[in-house]
Amino acid sequence: MTHVYHFTDTARLPWIIGSGELRPSSNRRGGFPADLLWATTNPAGDKTASAAYAKQLHKDGVFQIVRVTLDADAFGPWRDVIKGLPGWTEQHVADLERAGKSVGQDSGEWRCRVAPVRDYDWIAVDAKRHNEGWRRIDATQAYCVGHGLRRGFVIGGYAYLATQERDGTGNVSYSNFARAGVTEA
């Protein structure tokens, strides 16, 4: 079995675990049509993943990057998947590929799908602190803390916390990032 990788971060992880699945974002930023569930063939990461945009927070230790390993057969090459999907135009394709190229990302590594992936179909979940290697984590509710708008995920004696916010159009964003020491039970 070959794998693909979905990249996120500890700020988003409590909400992902709470939903029981990885699913396409509801965000409509940039004028793109309905979002997809994105993955990459590159186990090192993707520079266009949402977690890649907060480099300083990662460097400061306020959150960790999270990699979810998935079955490659459940995903298709992104250009093949968007064929026939409503709203996707050649201009969207060009804009997305241009954005990837501007950060040095190879769009040939992109894979996606329309449907969510349930947590029981995840092969592995790893987290990475800045300048360290990947470390396997138990991505379960047992390591989630907080409730409501502010939640966190516990790794190695620290809770990585964030607030989730929705704007009037349904776009989701995260703020109030913090790392706090905790005593694990």
C-alpha atoms as a PDB file:
ATOM      1  CA  MET A   1       0.000   0.000   0.000  1.00  0.00           C
ATOM      2  CA  THR A   2       1.265   3.442  -0.856  1.00  0.00           C
ATOM      3  CA  HIS A   3       0.503   6.498   1.230  1.00  0.00           C
ATOM      4  CA  VAL A   4      -0.424  10.143   0.957  1.00  0.00           C
ATOM      5  CA  TYR A   5      -0.193  12.707   3.731  1.00  0.00           C
ATOM      6  CA  HIS A   6      -2.584  15.360   4.995  1.00  0.00           C
ATOM      7  CA  PHE A   7      -0.881  18.182   6.894  1.00  0.00           C
ATOM      8  CA  THR A   8      -2.532  20.228   9.608  1.00  0.00           C
ATOM      9  CA  ASP A   9      -1.448  21.468  13.037  1.00  0.00           C
ATOM     10  CA  THR A  10      -2.212  21.128  16.731  1.00  0.00           C
ATOM     11  CA  ALA A  11      -4.442  24.235  16.588  1.00  0.00           C
ATOM     12  CA  ARG A  12      -6.905  22.437  14.286  1.00  0.00           C
ATOM     13  CA  LEU A  13      -6.439  18.910  15.637  1.00  0.00           C
ATOM     14  CA  PRO A  14      -8.954  19.039  18.542  1.00  0.00           C
ATOM     15  CA  TRP A  15     -11.751  20.010  16.149  1.00  0.00           C
ATOM     16  CA  ILE A  16     -10.718  17.339  13.648  1.00  0.00           C
ATOM     17  CA  ILE A  17     -10.711  14.679  16.369  1.00  0.00           C
ATOM     18  CA  GLY A  18     -14.043  15.966  17.708  1.00  0.00           C
ATOM     19  CA  SER A  19     -15.629  15.545  14.271  1.00  0.00           C
ATOM     20  CA  GLY A  20     -14.202  12.035  13.886  1.00  0.00           C
ATOM     21  CA  GLU A  21     -12.967  12.743  10.383  1.00  0.00           C
ATOM     22  CA  LEU A  22     -10.775  14.737   8.070  1.00  0.00           C
ATOM     23  CA  ARG A  23     -13.049  16.685   5.776  1.00  0.00           C
ATOM     24  CA  PRO A  24     -12.881  19.414   3.180  1.00  0.00           C
ATOM     25  CA  SER A  25     -12.793  22.911   4.604  1.00  0.00           C
ATOM     26  CA  SER A  26     -15.893  25.078   4.457  1.00  0.00           C
ATOM     27  CA  ASN A  27     -13.718  28.115   3.659  1.00  0.00           C
ATOM     28  CA  ARG A  28     -14.258  29.943   0.384  1.00  0.00           C
ATOM     29  CA  ARG A  29     -11.250  32.249   0.464  1.00  0.00           C
ATOM     30  CA  GLY A  30      -9.693  33.230  -2.830  1.00  0.00           C
ATOM     31  CA  GLY A  31     -12.878  32.711  -4.821  1.00  0.00           C
ATOM     32  CA  PHE A  32     -12.319  28.988  -5.259  1.00  0.00           C
ATOM     33  CA  PRO A  33     -15.292  26.633  -5.544  1.00  0.00           C
ATOM     34  CA  ALA A  34     -16.103  24.084  -2.866  1.00  0.00           C
ATOM     35  CA  ASP A  35     -12.899  22.957  -1.182  1.00  0.00           C
ATOM     36  CA  LEU A  36     -11.548  19.438  -1.309  1.00  0.00           C
ATOM     37  CA  LEU A  37      -9.746  17.236   1.185  1.00  0.00           C
ATOM     38  CA  TRP A  38      -6.105  17.749   0.223  1.00  0.00           C
ATOM     39  CA  ALA A  39      -3.113  15.463   0.630  1.00  0.00           C
ATOM     40  CA  THR A  40       0.354  15.166  -0.860  1.00  0.00           C
ATOM     41  CA  THR A  41       2.650  12.350  -1.906  1.00  0.00           C
ATOM     42  CA  ASN A  42       5.495  14.109  -0.087  1.00  0.00           C
ATOM     43  CA  PRO A  43       5.928  12.871   3.522  1.00  0.00           C
ATOM     44  CA  ALA A  44       8.025  15.967   4.352  1.00  0.00           C
ATOM     45  CA  GLY A  45       5.109  18.334   3.807  1.00  0.00           C
ATOM     46  CA  ASP A  46       3.433  20.713   1.443  1.00  0.00           C
ATOM     47  CA  LYS A  47       4.189  24.418   1.440  1.00  0.00           C
ATOM     48  CA  THR A  48       0.577  25.225   0.540  1.00  0.00           C
ATOM     49  CA  ALA A  49      -0.964  23.381   3.514  1.00  0.00           C
ATOM     50  CA  SER A  50      -2.720  25.680   5.977  1.00  0.00           C
ATOM     51  CA  ALA A  51      -0.200  24.836   8.717  1.00  0.00           C
ATOM     52  CA  ALA A  52       2.673  26.059   6.530  1.00  0.00           C
ATOM     53  CA  TYR A  53       1.489  29.663   6.720  1.00  0.00           C
ATOM     54  CA  ALA A  54       2.222  30.157  10.415  1.00  0.00           C
ATOM     55  CA  LYS A  55       5.949  29.433  10.314  1.00  0.00           C
ATOM     56  CA  GLN A  56       6.821  31.806  13.139  1.00  0.00           C
ATOM     57  CA  LEU A  57       4.278  30.215  15.520  1.00  0.00           C
ATOM     58  CA  HIS A  58       5.749  26.810  14.729  1.00  0.00           C
ATOM     59  CA  LYS A  59       9.282  28.117  15.189  1.00  0.00           C
ATOM     60  CA  ASP A  60       8.275  29.705  18.529  1.00  0.00           C
ATOM     61  CA  GLY A  61       6.899  26.348  19.744  1.00  0.00           C
ATOM     62  CA  VAL A  62       3.318  27.574  19.995  1.00  0.00           C
ATOM     63  CA  PHE A  63       2.038  24.718  17.857  1.00  0.00           C
ATOM     64  CA  GLN A  64       3.258  21.571  16.176  1.00  0.00           C
ATOM     65  CA  ILE A  65       2.765  20.456  12.590  1.00  0.00           C
ATOM     66  CA  VAL A  66       0.610  17.318  12.321  1.00  0.00           C
ATOM     67  CA  ARG A  67       0.874  14.735   9.537  1.00  0.00           C
ATOM     68  CA  VAL A  68      -1.937  12.238   8.961  1.00  0.00           C
ATOM     69  CA  THR A  69      -0.897   9.223   6.865  1.00  0.00           C
ATOM     70  CA  LEU A  70      -3.652   7.939   4.577  1.00  0.00           C
ATOM     71  CA  ASP A  71      -4.184   5.262   1.930  1.00  0.00           C
ATOM     72  CA  ALA A  72      -3.182   6.690  -1.461  1.00  0.00           C
ATOM     73  CA  ASP A  73      -5.875   4.642  -3.204  1.00  0.00           C
ATOM     74  CA  ALA A  74      -8.533   6.795  -1.497  1.00  0.00           C
ATOM     75  CA  PHE A  75      -7.203   9.933  -3.232  1.00  0.00           C
ATOM     76  CA  GLY A  76      -6.715  10.936  -6.830  1.00  0.00           C
ATOM     77  CA  PRO A  77      -4.453  13.348  -8.666  1.00  0.00           C
ATOM     78  CA  TRP A  78      -6.024  16.731  -8.023  1.00  0.00           C
ATOM     79  CA  ARG A  79      -6.554  17.675 -11.678  1.00  0.00           C
ATOM     80  CA  ASP A  80      -8.410  14.378 -12.269  1.00  0.00           C
ATOM     81  CA  VAL A  81     -10.618  14.862  -9.196  1.00  0.00           C
ATOM     82  CA  ILE A  82     -11.734  18.401 -10.103  1.00  0.00           C
ATOM     83  CA  LYS A  83     -12.741  17.414 -13.652  1.00  0.00           C
ATOM     84  CA  GLY A  84     -16.489  17.590 -13.701  1.00  0.00           C
ATOM     85  CA  LEU A  85     -16.816  19.285 -10.319  1.00  0.00           C
ATOM     86  CA  PRO A  86     -19.076  22.330 -10.501  1.00  0.00           C
ATOM     87  CA  GLY A  87     -17.384  25.688 -10.478  1.00  0.00           C
ATOM     88  CA  TRP A  88     -13.780  24.650 -11.144  1.00  0.00           C
ATOM     89  CA  THR A  89     -12.421  26.600 -14.112  1.00  0.00           C
ATOM     90  CA  GLU A  90      -9.088  26.670 -15.913  1.00  0.00           C
ATOM     91  CA  GLN A  91      -8.511  30.030 -14.209  1.00  0.00           C
ATOM     92  CA  HIS A  92      -8.888  28.379 -10.769  1.00  0.00           C
ATOM     93  CA  VAL A  93      -6.412  25.692 -11.814  1.00  0.00           C
ATOM     94  CA  ALA A  94      -3.924  28.278 -13.080  1.00  0.00           C
ATOM     95  CA  ASP A  95      -4.302  30.424  -9.942  1.00  0.00           C
ATOM     96  CA  LEU A  96      -3.803  27.464  -7.613  1.00  0.00           C
ATOM     97  CA  GLU A  97      -0.791  26.141  -9.488  1.00  0.00           C
ATOM     98  CA  ARG A  98       0.727  29.634  -9.640  1.00  0.00           C
ATOM     99  CA  ALA A  99       0.277  29.999  -5.861  1.00  0.00           C
ATOM    100  CA  GLY A 100       1.976  26.642  -5.316  1.00  0.00           C
ATOM    101  CA  LYS A 101       4.826  27.482  -7.653  1.00  0.00           C
ATOM    102  CA  SER A 102       5.372  30.834  -5.896  1.00  0.00           C
ATOM    103  CA  VAL A 103       6.292  28.977  -2.681  1.00  0.00           C
ATOM    104  CA  GLY A 104       8.280  26.275  -4.459  1.00  0.00           C
ATOM    105  CA  GLN A 105       5.589  23.609  -4.336  1.00  0.00           C
ATOM    106  CA  ASP A 106       5.195  20.932  -7.030  1.00  0.00           C
ATOM    107  CA  SER A 107       1.471  20.615  -7.814  1.00  0.00           C
ATOM    108  CA  GLY A 108       2.202  17.161  -9.275  1.00  0.00           C
ATOM    109  CA  GLU A 109       2.397  15.928  -5.651  1.00  0.00           C
ATOM    110  CA  TRP A 110      -1.135  17.125  -4.831  1.00  0.00           C
ATOM    111  CA  ARG A 111      -3.861  14.566  -4.261  1.00  0.00           C
ATOM    112  CA  CYS A 112      -7.430  15.172  -3.167  1.00  0.00           C
ATOM    113  CA  ARG A 113     -10.921  13.792  -2.743  1.00  0.00           C
ATOM    114  CA  VAL A 114     -14.422  15.146  -2.237  1.00  0.00           C
ATOM    115  CA  ALA A 115     -15.550  12.935   0.660  1.00  0.00           C
ATOM    116  CA  PRO A 116     -14.265  12.991   4.265  1.00  0.00           C
ATOM    117  CA  VAL A 117     -11.981  10.269   5.660  1.00  0.00           C
ATOM    118  CA  ARG A 118     -13.155   8.775   8.960  1.00  0.00           C
ATOM    119  CA  ASP A 119     -10.599   8.599  11.784  1.00  0.00           C
ATOM    120  CA  TYR A 120     -10.630   4.793  11.807  1.00  0.00           C
ATOM    121  CA  ASP A 121      -9.203   4.921   8.258  1.00  0.00           C
ATOM    122  CA  TRP A 122      -6.175   6.990   9.289  1.00  0.00           C
ATOM    123  CA  ILE A 123      -3.022   4.879   9.093  1.00  0.00           C
ATOM    124  CA  ALA A 124      -0.899   6.997  11.441  1.00  0.00           C
ATOM    125  CA  VAL A 125      -0.688  10.474  12.968  1.00  0.00           C
ATOM    126  CA  ASP A 126       2.639  12.162  13.682  1.00  0.00           C
ATOM    127  CA  ALA A 127       3.557  15.572  15.096  1.00  0.00           C
ATOM    128  CA  LYS A 128       6.659  17.657  14.591  1.00  0.00           C
ATOM    129  CA  ARG A 129       8.168  20.430  16.654  1.00  0.00           C
ATOM    130  CA  HIS A 130      10.394  22.951  14.935  1.00  0.00           C
ATOM    131  CA  ASN A 131      13.822  21.501  14.069  1.00  0.00           C
ATOM    132  CA  GLU A 132      12.896  18.026  15.337  1.00  0.00           C
ATOM    133  CA  GLY A 133      11.806  14.800  13.668  1.00  0.00           C
ATOM    134  CA  TRP A 134       8.331  13.329  13.385  1.00  0.00           C
ATOM    135  CA  ARG A 135       6.941  11.694  16.516  1.00  0.00           C
ATOM    136  CA  ARG A 136       3.952   9.295  16.497  1.00  0.00           C
ATOM    137  CA  ILE A 137       1.020  10.566  18.561  1.00  0.00           C
ATOM    138  CA  ASP A 138      -2.242   9.058  19.753  1.00  0.00           C
ATOM    139  CA  ALA A 139      -4.738  11.356  18.037  1.00  0.00           C
ATOM    140  CA  THR A 140      -7.713  10.592  20.267  1.00  0.00           C
ATOM    141  CA  GLN A 141     -10.156  12.538  22.393  1.00  0.00           C
ATOM    142  CA  ALA A 142      -8.159  11.494  25.487  1.00  0.00           C
ATOM    143  CA  TYR A 143      -5.523  14.117  24.576  1.00  0.00           C
ATOM    144  CA  CYS A 144      -7.942  16.936  23.788  1.00  0.00           C
ATOM    145  CA  VAL A 145      -8.528  19.667  26.373  1.00  0.00           C
ATOM    146  CA  GLY A 146     -10.837  22.659  26.615  1.00  0.00           C
ATOM    147  CA  HIS A 147     -14.218  23.135  25.071  1.00  0.00           C
ATOM    148  CA  GLY A 148     -16.225  25.579  23.020  1.00  0.00           C
ATOM    149  CA  LEU A 149     -14.190  28.059  21.031  1.00  0.00           C
ATOM    150  CA  ARG A 150     -10.861  27.383  22.836  1.00  0.00           C
ATOM    151  CA  ARG A 151      -9.416  23.901  22.635  1.00  0.00           C
ATOM    152  CA  GLY A 152      -6.061  22.223  22.759  1.00  0.00           C
ATOM    153  CA  PHE A 153      -4.202  19.009  22.176  1.00  0.00           C
ATOM    154  CA  VAL A 154      -1.662  17.573  24.643  1.00  0.00           C
ATOM    155  CA  ILE A 155       1.713  16.277  23.486  1.00  0.00           C
ATOM    156  CA  GLY A 156       4.683  15.636  25.753  1.00  0.00           C
ATOM    157  CA  GLY A 157       3.501  17.615  28.766  1.00  0.00           C
ATOM    158  CA  TYR A 158       2.226  20.647  26.824  1.00  0.00           C
ATOM    159  CA  ALA A 159      -1.242  21.635  25.693  1.00  0.00           C
ATOM    160  CA  TYR A 160      -1.203  23.412  22.344  1.00  0.00           C
ATOM    161  CA  LEU A 161      -4.224  25.719  22.462  1.00  0.00           C
ATOM    162  CA  ALA A 162      -6.140  27.887  20.003  1.00  0.00           C
ATOM    163  CA  THR A 163      -9.483  29.563  19.525  1.00  0.00           C
ATOM    164  CA  GLN A 164     -11.612  28.724  16.507  1.00  0.00           C
ATOM    165  CA  GLU A 165     -13.646  31.525  14.980  1.00  0.00           C
ATOM    166  CA  ARG A 166     -16.176  31.692  12.133  1.00  0.00           C
ATOM    167  CA  ASP A 167     -16.904  34.835  10.187  1.00  0.00           C
ATOM    168  CA  GLY A 168     -20.275  35.820   8.723  1.00  0.00           C
ATOM    169  CA  THR A 169     -19.633  33.828   5.551  1.00  0.00           C
ATOM    170  CA  GLY A 170     -18.710  30.604   7.369  1.00  0.00           C
ATOM    171  CA  ASN A 171     -14.939  30.863   6.916  1.00  0.00           C
ATOM    172  CA  VAL A 172     -13.011  29.351   9.823  1.00  0.00           C
ATOM    173  CA  SER A 173      -9.857  30.854  11.308  1.00  0.00           C
ATOM    174  CA  TYR A 174      -7.729  30.226  14.390  1.00  0.00           C
ATOM    175  CA  SER A 175      -6.226  32.684  16.872  1.00  0.00           C
ATOM    176  CA  ASN A 176      -5.110  33.073  20.496  1.00  0.00           C
ATOM    177  CA  PHE A 177      -2.446  30.394  20.072  1.00  0.00           C
ATOM    178  CA  ALA A 178      -0.709  29.312  23.259  1.00  0.00           C
ATOM    179  CA  ARG A 179       1.373  26.512  24.679  1.00  0.00           C
ATOM    180  CA  ALA A 180       0.802  25.645  28.330  1.00  0.00           C
ATOM    181  CA  GLY A 181       2.469  23.066  30.533  1.00  0.00           C
ATOM    182  CA  VAL A 182       0.139  20.321  31.787  1.00  0.00           C
ATOM    183  CA  THR A 183       0.412  17.240  33.922  1.00  0.00           C
ATOM    184  CA  GLU A 184      -0.624  14.196  31.920  1.00  0.00           C
ATOM    185  CA  ALA A 185      -2.742  11.650  33.754  1.00  0.00           C
END
